[in-house]
Amino acid sequence: MKTLIVFSSKYGGTAQMAEELSKMISTSVEVRDLAKNPDPELDEYGAILIGTSIYAGRARKDVRKFCDQNLAKLLHKKTGIFISCWFEDKLDEYIEKSFPAKLVETSRIVLAGIIADPSEMSILDRFVVKTIAKIKEPVTQIKHDNLRELAASIEE
């Protein structure tokens, strides 16, 4: 079974997580950035994994659009969602605001962690990260166990 990993990443953290996840899957896997390929062909894949960071309490716009446009196909595949965000305690709220309920019901969803470097961010994003998340230095906290669980769930 072929697996497709699609993701959206503003500063590259989710892209790194997508690559990490791809190495954990033993079957054929392709990784696609939705910014470069917003409408990948899904028919040839048996599993689809979707990665996004959270900004302003929601998944990135291109991920939400991808899920909405492809919902019928996604519901007939093994699906998983990996999320990069600062506030683990708000994960359920972010999921509810970001994804169709039917997709949430049929997908394995994991918190992938956070990778962020405030020095690489726009002035506005840097201000928000420093003020709300209280992060001033680069952070790399990948939840490898969660990604392994996601990889295993689509190979069952």
Protein backbone atom coordinates (compact mmCIF):
# COMPACT_ATOMS: atom_id res chain seq x y z
CA MET A 1 0.00 0.00 0.00
CA LYS A 2 1.32 3.43 -0.94
CA THR A 3 1.15 6.25 1.59
CA LEU A 4 0.96 9.96 0.86
CA ILE A 5 2.02 12.53 3.43
CA VAL A 6 0.73 16.02 2.69
CA PHE A 7 1.58 18.98 4.85
CA SER A 8 1.64 22.72 5.17
CA SER A 9 4.47 24.45 6.98
CA LYS A 10 4.98 28.17 7.41
CA TYR A 11 8.53 28.06 8.77
CA GLY A 12 9.58 24.47 8.04
CA GLY A 13 8.88 22.69 11.33
CA THR A 14 5.97 20.64 10.02
CA ALA A 15 7.98 19.84 6.90
CA GLN A 16 10.71 18.37 9.13
CA MET A 17 8.10 16.33 11.00
CA ALA A 18 6.67 15.05 7.70
CA GLU A 19 10.12 13.86 6.62
CA GLU A 20 10.69 12.25 10.02
CA LEU A 21 7.33 10.46 9.76
CA SER A 22 8.10 9.25 6.24
CA LYS A 23 11.18 7.42 7.56
CA MET A 24 8.99 5.52 10.04
CA ILE A 25 6.77 4.00 7.35
CA SER A 26 7.94 0.71 5.88
CA THR A 27 5.81 0.82 2.72
CA SER A 28 6.17 3.14 -0.28
CA VAL A 29 5.69 6.75 0.83
CA GLU A 30 5.63 10.13 -0.90
CA VAL A 31 5.78 13.51 0.85
CA ARG A 32 4.09 16.56 -0.71
CA ASP A 33 4.02 20.19 0.37
CA LEU A 34 0.51 21.57 -0.22
CA ALA A 35 1.99 25.01 -0.94
CA LYS A 36 3.76 23.55 -3.98
CA ASN A 37 1.17 20.92 -4.90
CA PRO A 38 -2.26 21.98 -3.59
CA ASP A 39 -4.21 19.27 -5.42
CA PRO A 40 -2.32 15.96 -5.34
CA GLU A 41 -3.93 12.94 -6.97
CA LEU A 42 -5.14 10.64 -4.18
CA ASP A 43 -6.47 7.59 -6.02
CA GLU A 44 -3.19 5.66 -6.06
CA TYR A 45 -2.71 5.85 -2.27
CA GLY A 46 -4.18 3.58 0.36
CA ALA A 47 -3.24 5.87 3.24
CA ILE A 48 -3.09 9.65 3.54
CA LEU A 49 -1.36 11.46 6.41
CA ILE A 50 -1.99 15.17 6.83
CA GLY A 51 0.33 17.51 8.70
CA THR A 52 -0.22 21.07 9.80
CA SER A 53 0.88 23.66 12.24
CA ILE A 54 -1.64 25.71 14.17
CA TYR A 55 -1.86 29.48 13.76
CA ALA A 56 -4.48 31.58 15.50
CA GLY A 57 -6.18 28.46 16.80
CA ARG A 58 -6.68 26.70 13.45
CA ALA A 59 -4.91 24.45 11.00
CA ARG A 60 -3.30 26.21 8.07
CA LYS A 61 -5.72 27.33 5.38
CA ASP A 62 -4.36 25.09 2.61
CA VAL A 63 -4.75 22.02 4.85
CA ARG A 64 -8.34 22.93 5.70
CA LYS A 65 -9.07 23.46 1.99
CA PHE A 66 -7.41 20.14 1.07
CA CYS A 67 -9.50 18.26 3.65
CA ASP A 68 -12.75 19.93 2.60
CA GLN A 69 -12.17 19.37 -1.13
CA ASN A 70 -11.08 15.76 -0.72
CA LEU A 71 -13.32 14.64 2.14
CA ALA A 72 -15.18 11.97 0.15
CA LYS A 73 -11.91 10.33 -0.96
CA LEU A 74 -10.28 10.69 2.46
CA LEU A 75 -13.18 8.89 4.13
CA HIS A 76 -12.39 5.80 2.02
CA LYS A 77 -8.69 5.70 2.91
CA LYS A 78 -6.67 5.09 6.04
CA THR A 79 -6.09 8.61 7.31
CA GLY A 80 -4.07 10.27 9.99
CA ILE A 81 -3.41 13.83 11.06
CA PHE A 82 -0.30 15.14 12.81
CA ILE A 83 -0.40 18.56 14.37
CA SER A 84 2.36 20.90 15.42
CA CYS A 85 1.25 23.35 18.09
CA TRP A 86 2.35 25.10 21.26
CA PHE A 87 -0.60 24.35 23.50
CA GLU A 88 -1.30 20.65 23.95
CA ASP A 89 -4.22 21.38 26.27
CA LYS A 90 -6.05 23.11 23.39
CA LEU A 91 -5.52 20.35 20.84
CA ASP A 92 -9.15 19.16 20.88
CA GLU A 93 -10.36 22.72 20.31
CA TYR A 94 -7.96 23.18 17.38
CA ILE A 95 -9.07 19.89 15.83
CA GLU A 96 -12.75 20.80 16.12
CA LYS A 97 -12.19 24.20 14.47
CA SER A 98 -9.95 22.85 11.71
CA PHE A 99 -11.24 19.54 10.36
CA PRO A 100 -14.54 18.07 9.18
CA ALA A 101 -16.14 16.01 11.96
CA LYS A 102 -16.38 12.89 9.77
CA LEU A 103 -12.67 13.05 9.04
CA VAL A 104 -11.89 13.42 12.74
CA GLU A 105 -14.02 10.35 13.51
CA THR A 106 -12.14 8.15 11.02
CA SER A 107 -8.57 9.45 11.47
CA ARG A 108 -5.81 8.77 13.92
CA ILE A 109 -4.78 12.21 15.20
CA VAL A 110 -1.56 12.92 17.08
CA LEU A 111 0.29 15.88 18.51
CA ALA A 112 3.60 15.88 16.66
CA GLY A 113 5.32 18.45 18.87
CA ILE A 114 6.80 21.79 17.95
CA ILE A 115 9.78 23.04 16.00
CA ALA A 116 10.20 26.79 15.98
CA ASP A 117 12.91 29.39 15.81
CA PRO A 118 11.66 32.89 16.68
CA SER A 119 14.62 34.47 14.90
CA GLU A 120 13.35 33.00 11.60
CA MET A 121 9.79 34.35 12.03
CA SER A 122 8.13 37.49 10.80
CA ILE A 123 8.03 40.36 13.27
CA LEU A 124 4.35 39.73 14.04
CA ASP A 125 4.78 35.97 14.52
CA ARG A 126 7.88 36.51 16.66
CA PHE A 127 5.94 38.93 18.88
CA VAL A 128 3.05 36.47 19.24
CA VAL A 129 5.36 33.53 20.04
CA LYS A 130 7.33 35.53 22.58
CA THR A 131 4.22 37.01 24.20
CA ILE A 132 1.79 34.09 24.20
CA ALA A 133 4.02 31.01 24.13
CA LYS A 134 6.80 32.69 26.12
CA ILE A 135 9.39 31.30 23.72
CA LYS A 136 12.48 33.36 22.97
CA GLU A 137 14.96 30.68 21.89
CA PRO A 138 14.69 28.00 19.18
CA VAL A 139 12.63 24.97 20.23
CA THR A 140 12.72 21.44 18.80
CA GLN A 141 10.39 19.06 20.58
CA ILE A 142 9.31 16.30 18.21
CA LYS A 143 7.07 13.70 19.80
CA HIS A 144 8.71 10.71 18.12
CA ASP A 145 6.53 8.17 19.95
CA ASN A 146 3.36 9.85 18.66
CA LEU A 147 4.69 9.85 15.10
CA ARG A 148 5.64 6.16 15.41
CA GLU A 149 2.12 5.37 16.64
CA LEU A 150 0.67 7.21 13.66
CA ALA A 151 2.94 5.37 11.24
CA ALA A 152 2.03 2.03 12.80
CA SER A 153 -1.69 2.79 12.68
CA ILE A 154 -1.72 3.13 8.90
CA GLU A 155 0.34 -0.02 8.40
CA GLU A 156 -2.08 -2.24 10.35
